Amino acid sequence: MRQSLGPSALATVTAMLVVVALGLPLGFKCGIIVYDPVALPWLRYATILIAPALVEELAFRAPLLWVRRERLLPLGAVLLAGYVLQHAATAWLIWPDARAFFWDPCFLLLTAWLGLVNMVLVVATGRVMPAVIVHWLAVTGWMRFLGGEDAISRNLPFG
């Protein structure tokens, strides 16, 4: 029997709206989001789909599909903390020039918000792909329209 994508598609759109509802106002207020549209190479869109979107969702959200319901909250808390810490650790270990950006409390709060919304989305739909789509849209939207490309290139040695 073929399963309809309707409920998952609706949940994905709702999750994206929830991410934007808090993310945009907070990001503009903190100054890490600015309207600054830039052209991105098409390969960048595909790269973002693989990493961070697919890789991070498989690592930090997919395990929620394999636990009993009573263990969702503790595992979710650990995975969410790991997701946020991974962003800070990436700057520490790989991109020391980007520490100021990746350690910005507002950036980490927005990272946690995206992680929390995607966690709820994965548990609600029983699928990882909706969270991958939301993650990809959030990152590509930020990179393409909201100053992310400049923030990354300004803070990375190869930017």
N, C-alpha and C. Protein backbone atom coordinates (compact mmCIF):
# COMPACT_ATOMS: atom_id res chain seq x y z
N MET A 1 0.84 -1.18 0.00
CA MET A 1 0.00 0.00 0.00
C MET A 1 0.89 1.25 0.00
N ARG A 2 0.60 2.16 -0.86
CA ARG A 2 1.37 3.41 -0.98
C ARG A 2 0.89 4.40 0.08
N GLN A 3 1.85 4.92 0.84
CA GLN A 3 1.51 5.88 1.90
C GLN A 3 1.53 7.29 1.33
N SER A 4 0.55 8.08 1.71
CA SER A 4 0.44 9.46 1.25
C SER A 4 1.51 10.32 1.91
N LEU A 5 2.04 11.27 1.15
CA LEU A 5 3.00 12.23 1.70
C LEU A 5 2.30 13.42 2.32
N GLY A 6 0.97 13.50 2.20
CA GLY A 6 0.22 14.65 2.68
C GLY A 6 0.54 15.09 4.10
N PRO A 7 0.39 14.22 5.09
CA PRO A 7 0.67 14.64 6.47
C PRO A 7 2.13 15.05 6.68
N SER A 8 3.06 14.34 6.07
CA SER A 8 4.48 14.70 6.22
C SER A 8 4.77 16.03 5.54
N ALA A 9 4.16 16.25 4.38
CA ALA A 9 4.37 17.52 3.67
C ALA A 9 3.81 18.68 4.49
N LEU A 10 2.63 18.51 5.05
CA LEU A 10 2.03 19.55 5.87
C LEU A 10 2.88 19.81 7.12
N ALA A 11 3.37 18.75 7.74
CA ALA A 11 4.23 18.91 8.92
C ALA A 11 5.53 19.61 8.56
N THR A 12 6.08 19.33 7.38
CA THR A 12 7.32 19.96 6.93
C THR A 12 7.12 21.46 6.73
N VAL A 13 6.04 21.83 6.06
CA VAL A 13 5.74 23.25 5.84
C VAL A 13 5.51 23.95 7.18
N THR A 14 4.76 23.31 8.06
CA THR A 14 4.51 23.90 9.38
C THR A 14 5.81 24.09 10.15
N ALA A 15 6.67 23.09 10.13
CA ALA A 15 7.96 23.19 10.83
C ALA A 15 8.80 24.33 10.26
N MET A 16 8.82 24.48 8.95
CA MET A 16 9.59 25.57 8.35
C MET A 16 9.04 26.92 8.79
N LEU A 17 7.72 27.05 8.85
CA LEU A 17 7.12 28.30 9.31
C LEU A 17 7.45 28.58 10.77
N VAL A 18 7.50 27.53 11.59
CA VAL A 18 7.85 27.69 13.00
C VAL A 18 9.31 28.12 13.14
N VAL A 19 10.20 27.53 12.36
CA VAL A 19 11.62 27.93 12.38
C VAL A 19 11.74 29.40 12.01
N VAL A 20 11.06 29.81 10.95
CA VAL A 20 11.13 31.19 10.47
C VAL A 20 10.50 32.16 11.47
N ALA A 21 9.40 31.75 12.11
CA ALA A 21 8.67 32.64 13.02
C ALA A 21 9.54 33.14 14.17
N LEU A 22 10.41 32.31 14.69
CA LEU A 22 11.31 32.76 15.75
C LEU A 22 12.67 33.15 15.18
N GLY A 23 13.13 32.40 14.20
CA GLY A 23 14.47 32.61 13.67
C GLY A 23 14.71 33.96 13.04
N LEU A 24 13.79 34.41 12.20
CA LEU A 24 13.98 35.70 11.54
C LEU A 24 14.00 36.87 12.52
N PRO A 25 12.99 37.03 13.36
CA PRO A 25 13.03 38.17 14.29
C PRO A 25 14.25 38.15 15.21
N LEU A 26 14.57 36.99 15.76
CA LEU A 26 15.71 36.90 16.66
C LEU A 26 17.02 37.16 15.91
N GLY A 27 17.15 36.56 14.73
CA GLY A 27 18.36 36.75 13.94
C GLY A 27 18.58 38.20 13.52
N PHE A 28 17.50 38.88 13.11
CA PHE A 28 17.61 40.30 12.75
C PHE A 28 17.97 41.13 13.98
N LYS A 29 17.33 40.82 15.11
CA LYS A 29 17.59 41.58 16.34
C LYS A 29 19.04 41.43 16.78
N CYS A 30 19.57 40.22 16.68
CA CYS A 30 20.96 39.96 17.09
C CYS A 30 21.98 40.45 16.06
N GLY A 31 21.53 40.64 14.83
CA GLY A 31 22.44 41.10 13.79
C GLY A 31 23.14 39.99 13.03
N ILE A 32 22.81 38.73 13.30
CA ILE A 32 23.45 37.67 12.52
C ILE A 32 22.67 37.34 11.26
N ILE A 33 21.49 37.92 11.14
CA ILE A 33 20.71 37.82 9.91
C ILE A 33 20.51 39.24 9.39
N VAL A 34 20.89 39.44 8.14
CA VAL A 34 20.69 40.71 7.45
C VAL A 34 20.23 40.39 6.03
N TYR A 35 19.37 41.22 5.49
CA TYR A 35 18.94 40.96 4.12
C TYR A 35 20.09 41.32 3.19
N ASP A 36 20.67 40.30 2.58
CA ASP A 36 21.84 40.48 1.73
C ASP A 36 21.86 39.36 0.69
N PRO A 37 20.99 39.46 -0.33
CA PRO A 37 20.93 38.38 -1.32
C PRO A 37 22.22 38.29 -2.14
N VAL A 38 22.69 37.07 -2.31
CA VAL A 38 23.86 36.80 -3.14
C VAL A 38 23.57 35.58 -3.99
N ALA A 39 24.25 35.49 -5.10
CA ALA A 39 24.11 34.31 -5.96
C ALA A 39 24.99 33.20 -5.40
N LEU A 40 24.43 32.02 -5.30
CA LEU A 40 25.21 30.85 -4.87
C LEU A 40 25.38 29.93 -6.06
N PRO A 41 26.55 29.31 -6.19
CA PRO A 41 26.71 28.31 -7.25
C PRO A 41 25.77 27.14 -7.00
N TRP A 42 25.27 26.54 -8.06
CA TRP A 42 24.32 25.43 -7.91
C TRP A 42 24.90 24.28 -7.11
N LEU A 43 26.19 24.06 -7.25
CA LEU A 43 26.81 22.97 -6.50
C LEU A 43 26.72 23.20 -4.99
N ARG A 44 26.70 24.45 -4.57
CA ARG A 44 26.60 24.76 -3.14
C ARG A 44 25.27 24.25 -2.58
N TYR A 45 24.19 24.35 -3.36
CA TYR A 45 22.89 23.86 -2.89
C TYR A 45 22.95 22.35 -2.63
N ALA A 46 23.58 21.63 -3.55
CA ALA A 46 23.70 20.18 -3.38
C ALA A 46 24.60 19.83 -2.21
N THR A 47 25.67 20.59 -2.05
CA THR A 47 26.60 20.35 -0.95
C THR A 47 25.89 20.55 0.39
N ILE A 48 25.11 21.62 0.51
CA ILE A 48 24.39 21.90 1.76
C ILE A 48 23.36 20.80 2.04
N LEU A 49 22.77 20.24 0.99
CA LEU A 49 21.81 19.16 1.18
C LEU A 49 22.48 17.95 1.85
N ILE A 50 23.70 17.66 1.42
CA ILE A 50 24.42 16.52 1.99
C ILE A 50 24.97 16.87 3.37
N ALA A 51 25.74 17.95 3.43
CA ALA A 51 26.30 18.41 4.71
C ALA A 51 26.17 19.91 4.74
N PRO A 52 25.41 20.41 5.66
CA PRO A 52 25.05 19.83 6.94
C PRO A 52 23.73 19.09 7.00
N ALA A 53 22.79 19.32 6.08
CA ALA A 53 21.41 18.86 6.28
C ALA A 53 21.29 17.35 6.51
N LEU A 54 21.66 16.54 5.53
CA LEU A 54 21.46 15.10 5.65
C LEU A 54 22.34 14.50 6.76
N VAL A 55 23.60 14.86 6.77
CA VAL A 55 24.53 14.29 7.76
C VAL A 55 24.08 14.61 9.19
N GLU A 56 23.76 15.87 9.45
CA GLU A 56 23.38 16.25 10.82
C GLU A 56 22.03 15.66 11.22
N GLU A 57 21.09 15.59 10.30
CA GLU A 57 19.79 15.00 10.65
C GLU A 57 19.91 13.51 10.92
N LEU A 58 20.74 12.82 10.15
CA LEU A 58 20.95 11.39 10.42
C LEU A 58 21.66 11.18 11.76
N ALA A 59 22.60 12.04 12.07
CA ALA A 59 23.35 11.88 13.32
C ALA A 59 22.56 12.31 14.55
N PHE A 60 21.81 13.41 14.45
CA PHE A 60 21.22 14.00 15.64
C PHE A 60 19.70 13.86 15.75
N ARG A 61 19.02 13.40 14.71
CA ARG A 61 17.57 13.22 14.80
C ARG A 61 17.14 11.79 14.53
N ALA A 62 17.77 11.10 13.60
CA ALA A 62 17.36 9.73 13.26
C ALA A 62 17.35 8.78 14.46
N PRO A 63 18.30 8.88 15.40
CA PRO A 63 18.25 7.96 16.55
C PRO A 63 16.94 8.02 17.34
N LEU A 64 16.21 9.12 17.23
CA LEU A 64 14.92 9.23 17.92
C LEU A 64 13.90 8.23 17.39
N LEU A 65 14.11 7.76 16.17
CA LEU A 65 13.17 6.81 15.57
C LEU A 65 13.34 5.39 16.13
N TRP A 66 14.44 5.15 16.82
CA TRP A 66 14.76 3.80 17.24
C TRP A 66 14.63 3.57 18.74
N VAL A 67 14.04 4.50 19.46
CA VAL A 67 13.91 4.32 20.92
C VAL A 67 12.44 4.26 21.32
N ARG A 68 12.22 3.66 22.49
CA ARG A 68 10.86 3.63 23.02
C ARG A 68 10.45 5.04 23.43
N ARG A 69 9.17 5.28 23.42
CA ARG A 69 8.63 6.61 23.68
C ARG A 69 9.09 7.20 25.02
N GLU A 70 9.19 6.38 26.04
CA GLU A 70 9.59 6.91 27.35
C GLU A 70 11.05 7.37 27.38
N ARG A 71 11.82 6.99 26.38
CA ARG A 71 13.23 7.42 26.33
C ARG A 71 13.45 8.56 25.35
N LEU A 72 12.40 9.04 24.72
CA LEU A 72 12.54 10.12 23.74
C LEU A 72 13.08 11.40 24.36
N LEU A 73 12.54 11.80 25.50
CA LEU A 73 12.94 13.07 26.10
C LEU A 73 14.41 13.07 26.53
N PRO A 74 14.88 12.05 27.27
CA PRO A 74 16.30 12.08 27.64
C PRO A 74 17.22 11.99 26.42
N LEU A 75 16.90 11.11 25.48
CA LEU A 75 17.74 11.01 24.29
C LEU A 75 17.67 12.29 23.47
N GLY A 76 16.48 12.85 23.35
CA GLY A 76 16.33 14.11 22.61
C GLY A 76 17.16 15.23 23.21
N ALA A 77 17.18 15.31 24.54
CA ALA A 77 17.98 16.34 25.21
C ALA A 77 19.47 16.15 24.93
N VAL A 78 19.92 14.91 24.99
CA VAL A 78 21.34 14.62 24.72
C VAL A 78 21.68 14.93 23.27
N LEU A 79 20.81 14.52 22.35
CA LEU A 79 21.07 14.78 20.93
C LEU A 79 21.04 16.27 20.61
N LEU A 80 20.12 17.00 21.21
CA LEU A 80 20.04 18.44 20.97
C LEU A 80 21.29 19.14 21.50
N ALA A 81 21.71 18.77 22.70
CA ALA A 81 22.94 19.34 23.26
C ALA A 81 24.14 19.00 22.38
N GLY A 82 24.20 17.76 21.92
CA GLY A 82 25.29 17.35 21.03
C GLY A 82 25.29 18.12 19.72
N TYR A 83 24.10 18.36 19.19
CA TYR A 83 23.96 19.11 17.94
C TYR A 83 24.50 20.53 18.09
N VAL A 84 24.13 21.20 19.17
CA VAL A 84 24.60 22.57 19.40
C VAL A 84 26.10 22.57 19.68
N LEU A 85 26.56 21.66 20.53
CA LEU A 85 27.99 21.59 20.85
C LEU A 85 28.83 21.25 19.63
N GLN A 86 28.28 20.45 18.73
CA GLN A 86 29.01 20.11 17.51
C GLN A 86 29.30 21.34 16.68
N HIS A 87 28.38 22.29 16.65
CA HIS A 87 28.62 23.53 15.91
C HIS A 87 29.75 24.34 16.55
N ALA A 88 29.74 24.42 17.86
CA ALA A 88 30.82 25.14 18.56
C ALA A 88 32.15 24.40 18.41
N ALA A 89 32.11 23.07 18.49
CA ALA A 89 33.34 22.28 18.36
C ALA A 89 33.93 22.37 16.96
N THR A 90 33.07 22.45 15.95
CA THR A 90 33.56 22.60 14.58
C THR A 90 34.44 23.83 14.46
N ALA A 91 34.00 24.92 15.05
CA ALA A 91 34.79 26.15 15.01
C ALA A 91 36.09 25.96 15.79
N TRP A 92 36.02 25.29 16.92
CA TRP A 92 37.21 25.10 17.74
C TRP A 92 38.24 24.22 17.02
N LEU A 93 37.78 23.12 16.42
CA LEU A 93 38.70 22.13 15.85
C LEU A 93 39.08 22.40 14.40
N ILE A 94 38.14 22.88 13.61
CA ILE A 94 38.36 22.95 12.16
C ILE A 94 38.56 24.38 11.67
N TRP A 95 37.75 25.31 12.16
CA TRP A 95 37.78 26.68 11.66
C TRP A 95 38.01 27.67 12.80
N PRO A 96 39.21 27.74 13.35
CA PRO A 96 39.44 28.64 14.47
C PRO A 96 39.13 30.10 14.15
N ASP A 97 39.29 30.49 12.89
CA ASP A 97 38.99 31.88 12.52
C ASP A 97 37.49 32.19 12.60
N ALA A 98 36.67 31.15 12.65
CA ALA A 98 35.22 31.34 12.68
C ALA A 98 34.64 31.21 14.08
N ARG A 99 35.49 31.12 15.08
CA ARG A 99 35.00 30.92 16.45
C ARG A 99 34.03 32.01 16.89
N ALA A 100 34.35 33.25 16.61
CA ALA A 100 33.48 34.34 17.06
C ALA A 100 32.07 34.17 16.52
N PHE A 101 31.95 33.75 15.27
CA PHE A 101 30.63 33.57 14.68
C PHE A 101 29.93 32.34 15.24
N PHE A 102 30.61 31.19 15.20
CA PHE A 102 30.00 29.94 15.62
C PHE A 102 29.75 29.87 17.13
N TRP A 103 30.42 30.70 17.90
CA TRP A 103 30.20 30.74 19.34
C TRP A 103 29.27 31.86 19.75
N ASP A 104 28.78 32.61 18.81
CA ASP A 104 27.84 33.69 19.12
C ASP A 104 26.60 33.08 19.78
N PRO A 105 26.20 33.56 20.96
CA PRO A 105 25.05 32.99 21.65
C PRO A 105 23.78 32.99 20.81
N CYS A 106 23.60 34.02 20.00
CA CYS A 106 22.41 34.08 19.14
C CYS A 106 22.46 32.97 18.08
N PHE A 107 23.63 32.77 17.47
CA PHE A 107 23.78 31.69 16.49
C PHE A 107 23.49 30.34 17.14
N LEU A 108 24.03 30.13 18.33
CA LEU A 108 23.81 28.86 19.02
C LEU A 108 22.35 28.68 19.42
N LEU A 109 21.68 29.76 19.79
CA LEU A 109 20.26 29.69 20.12
C LEU A 109 19.43 29.34 18.88
N LEU A 110 19.75 29.96 17.76
CA LEU A 110 19.04 29.64 16.52
C LEU A 110 19.34 28.21 16.07
N THR A 111 20.55 27.75 16.29
CA THR A 111 20.91 26.37 15.99
C THR A 111 20.08 25.42 16.85
N ALA A 112 19.97 25.73 18.13
CA ALA A 112 19.15 24.91 19.03
C ALA A 112 17.68 24.91 18.62
N TRP A 113 17.19 26.07 18.20
CA TRP A 113 15.80 26.18 17.76
C TRP A 113 15.54 25.30 16.55
N LEU A 114 16.42 25.36 15.55
CA LEU A 114 16.28 24.51 14.37
C LEU A 114 16.34 23.04 14.78
N GLY A 115 17.26 22.70 15.67
CA GLY A 115 17.36 21.32 16.13
C GLY A 115 16.12 20.84 16.86
N LEU A 116 15.57 21.69 17.71
CA LEU A 116 14.36 21.33 18.47
C LEU A 116 13.16 21.14 17.55
N VAL A 117 12.96 22.07 16.63
CA VAL A 117 11.83 21.95 15.69
C VAL A 117 11.99 20.68 14.86
N ASN A 118 13.19 20.41 14.38
CA ASN A 118 13.40 19.21 13.57
C ASN A 118 13.24 17.93 14.39
N MET A 119 13.59 17.99 15.67
CA MET A 119 13.39 16.84 16.54
C MET A 119 11.89 16.51 16.65
N VAL A 120 11.08 17.52 16.88
CA VAL A 120 9.63 17.33 16.96
C VAL A 120 9.10 16.82 15.63
N LEU A 121 9.61 17.36 14.54
CA LEU A 121 9.18 16.95 13.20
C LEU A 121 9.48 15.47 12.94
N VAL A 122 10.66 15.02 13.30
CA VAL A 122 11.03 13.61 13.10
C VAL A 122 10.14 12.69 13.94
N VAL A 123 9.93 13.06 15.18
CA VAL A 123 9.09 12.22 16.06
C VAL A 123 7.65 12.22 15.55
N ALA A 124 7.15 13.37 15.11
CA ALA A 124 5.75 13.46 14.66
C ALA A 124 5.51 12.71 13.36
N THR A 125 6.47 12.74 12.44
CA THR A 125 6.27 12.10 11.13
C THR A 125 6.82 10.69 11.07
N GLY A 126 7.75 10.37 11.95
CA GLY A 126 8.41 9.07 11.87
C GLY A 126 9.38 8.99 10.71
N ARG A 127 9.77 10.12 10.18
CA ARG A 127 10.67 10.18 9.03
C ARG A 127 11.76 11.23 9.26
N VAL A 128 12.91 11.01 8.65
CA VAL A 128 14.01 11.96 8.75
C VAL A 128 13.98 12.97 7.61
N MET A 129 13.49 12.56 6.44
CA MET A 129 13.55 13.44 5.27
C MET A 129 12.86 14.79 5.46
N PRO A 130 11.72 14.88 6.12
CA PRO A 130 11.15 16.21 6.34
C PRO A 130 12.10 17.13 7.09
N ALA A 131 12.81 16.60 8.08
CA ALA A 131 13.77 17.42 8.83
C ALA A 131 14.96 17.80 7.95
N VAL A 132 15.38 16.90 7.07
CA VAL A 132 16.47 17.22 6.14
C VAL A 132 16.04 18.39 5.25
N ILE A 133 14.81 18.36 4.77
CA ILE A 133 14.30 19.43 3.91
C ILE A 133 14.25 20.75 4.66
N VAL A 134 13.74 20.75 5.89
CA VAL A 134 13.67 21.99 6.68
C VAL A 134 15.08 22.51 6.94
N HIS A 135 15.99 21.63 7.31
CA HIS A 135 17.38 22.02 7.58
C HIS A 135 18.00 22.63 6.32
N TRP A 136 17.81 21.97 5.19
CA TRP A 136 18.36 22.45 3.92
C TRP A 136 17.78 23.81 3.55
N LEU A 137 16.47 23.96 3.67
CA LEU A 137 15.84 25.25 3.35
C LEU A 137 16.32 26.36 4.28
N ALA A 138 16.47 26.05 5.56
CA ALA A 138 16.94 27.06 6.52
C ALA A 138 18.35 27.51 6.19
N VAL A 139 19.24 26.57 5.92
CA VAL A 139 20.64 26.93 5.65
C VAL A 139 20.78 27.61 4.28
N THR A 140 20.13 27.06 3.25
CA THR A 140 20.26 27.70 1.94
C THR A 140 19.58 29.07 1.92
N GLY A 141 18.46 29.21 2.61
CA GLY A 141 17.81 30.52 2.69
C GLY A 141 18.69 31.53 3.38
N TRP A 142 19.33 31.10 4.48
CA TRP A 142 20.25 31.98 5.21
C TRP A 142 21.46 32.35 4.34
N MET A 143 22.03 31.34 3.67
CA MET A 143 23.21 31.59 2.83
C MET A 143 22.87 32.48 1.64
N ARG A 144 21.72 32.23 1.00
CA ARG A 144 21.36 32.91 -0.25
C ARG A 144 20.82 34.32 -0.02
N PHE A 145 19.98 34.49 1.00
CA PHE A 145 19.27 35.76 1.15
C PHE A 145 19.59 36.55 2.43
N LEU A 146 20.11 35.89 3.46
CA LEU A 146 20.13 36.52 4.78
C LEU A 146 21.52 36.67 5.38
N GLY A 147 22.52 36.86 4.54
CA GLY A 147 23.86 37.19 5.02
C GLY A 147 24.72 36.02 5.43
N GLY A 148 24.24 34.80 5.28
CA GLY A 148 25.02 33.64 5.69
C GLY A 148 26.29 33.44 4.89
N GLU A 149 26.21 33.65 3.60
CA GLU A 149 27.39 33.47 2.75
C GLU A 149 28.49 34.44 3.17
N ASP A 150 28.13 35.68 3.42
CA ASP A 150 29.11 36.67 3.85
C ASP A 150 29.64 36.35 5.24
N ALA A 151 28.76 35.94 6.14
CA ALA A 151 29.19 35.61 7.50
C ALA A 151 30.17 34.45 7.50
N ILE A 152 29.90 33.45 6.69
CA ILE A 152 30.79 32.29 6.62
C ILE A 152 32.11 32.68 5.95
N SER A 153 32.04 33.30 4.77
CA SER A 153 33.27 33.62 4.05
C SER A 153 34.12 34.65 4.79
N ARG A 154 33.50 35.54 5.52
CA ARG A 154 34.23 36.55 6.29
C ARG A 154 34.98 35.92 7.46
N ASN A 155 34.48 34.81 7.96
CA ASN A 155 35.06 34.20 9.16
C ASN A 155 35.90 32.96 8.89
N LEU A 156 35.92 32.48 7.66
CA LEU A 156 36.69 31.29 7.37
C LEU A 156 37.93 31.64 6.56
N PRO A 157 39.03 30.93 6.80
CA PRO A 157 40.28 31.28 6.14
C PRO A 157 40.23 31.11 4.63
N PHE A 158 39.36 30.22 4.13
CA PHE A 158 39.30 30.00 2.68
C PHE A 158 38.17 30.78 2.03
N GLY A 159 37.47 31.62 2.80
CA GLY A 159 36.32 32.38 2.30
C GLY A 159 36.69 33.52 1.41
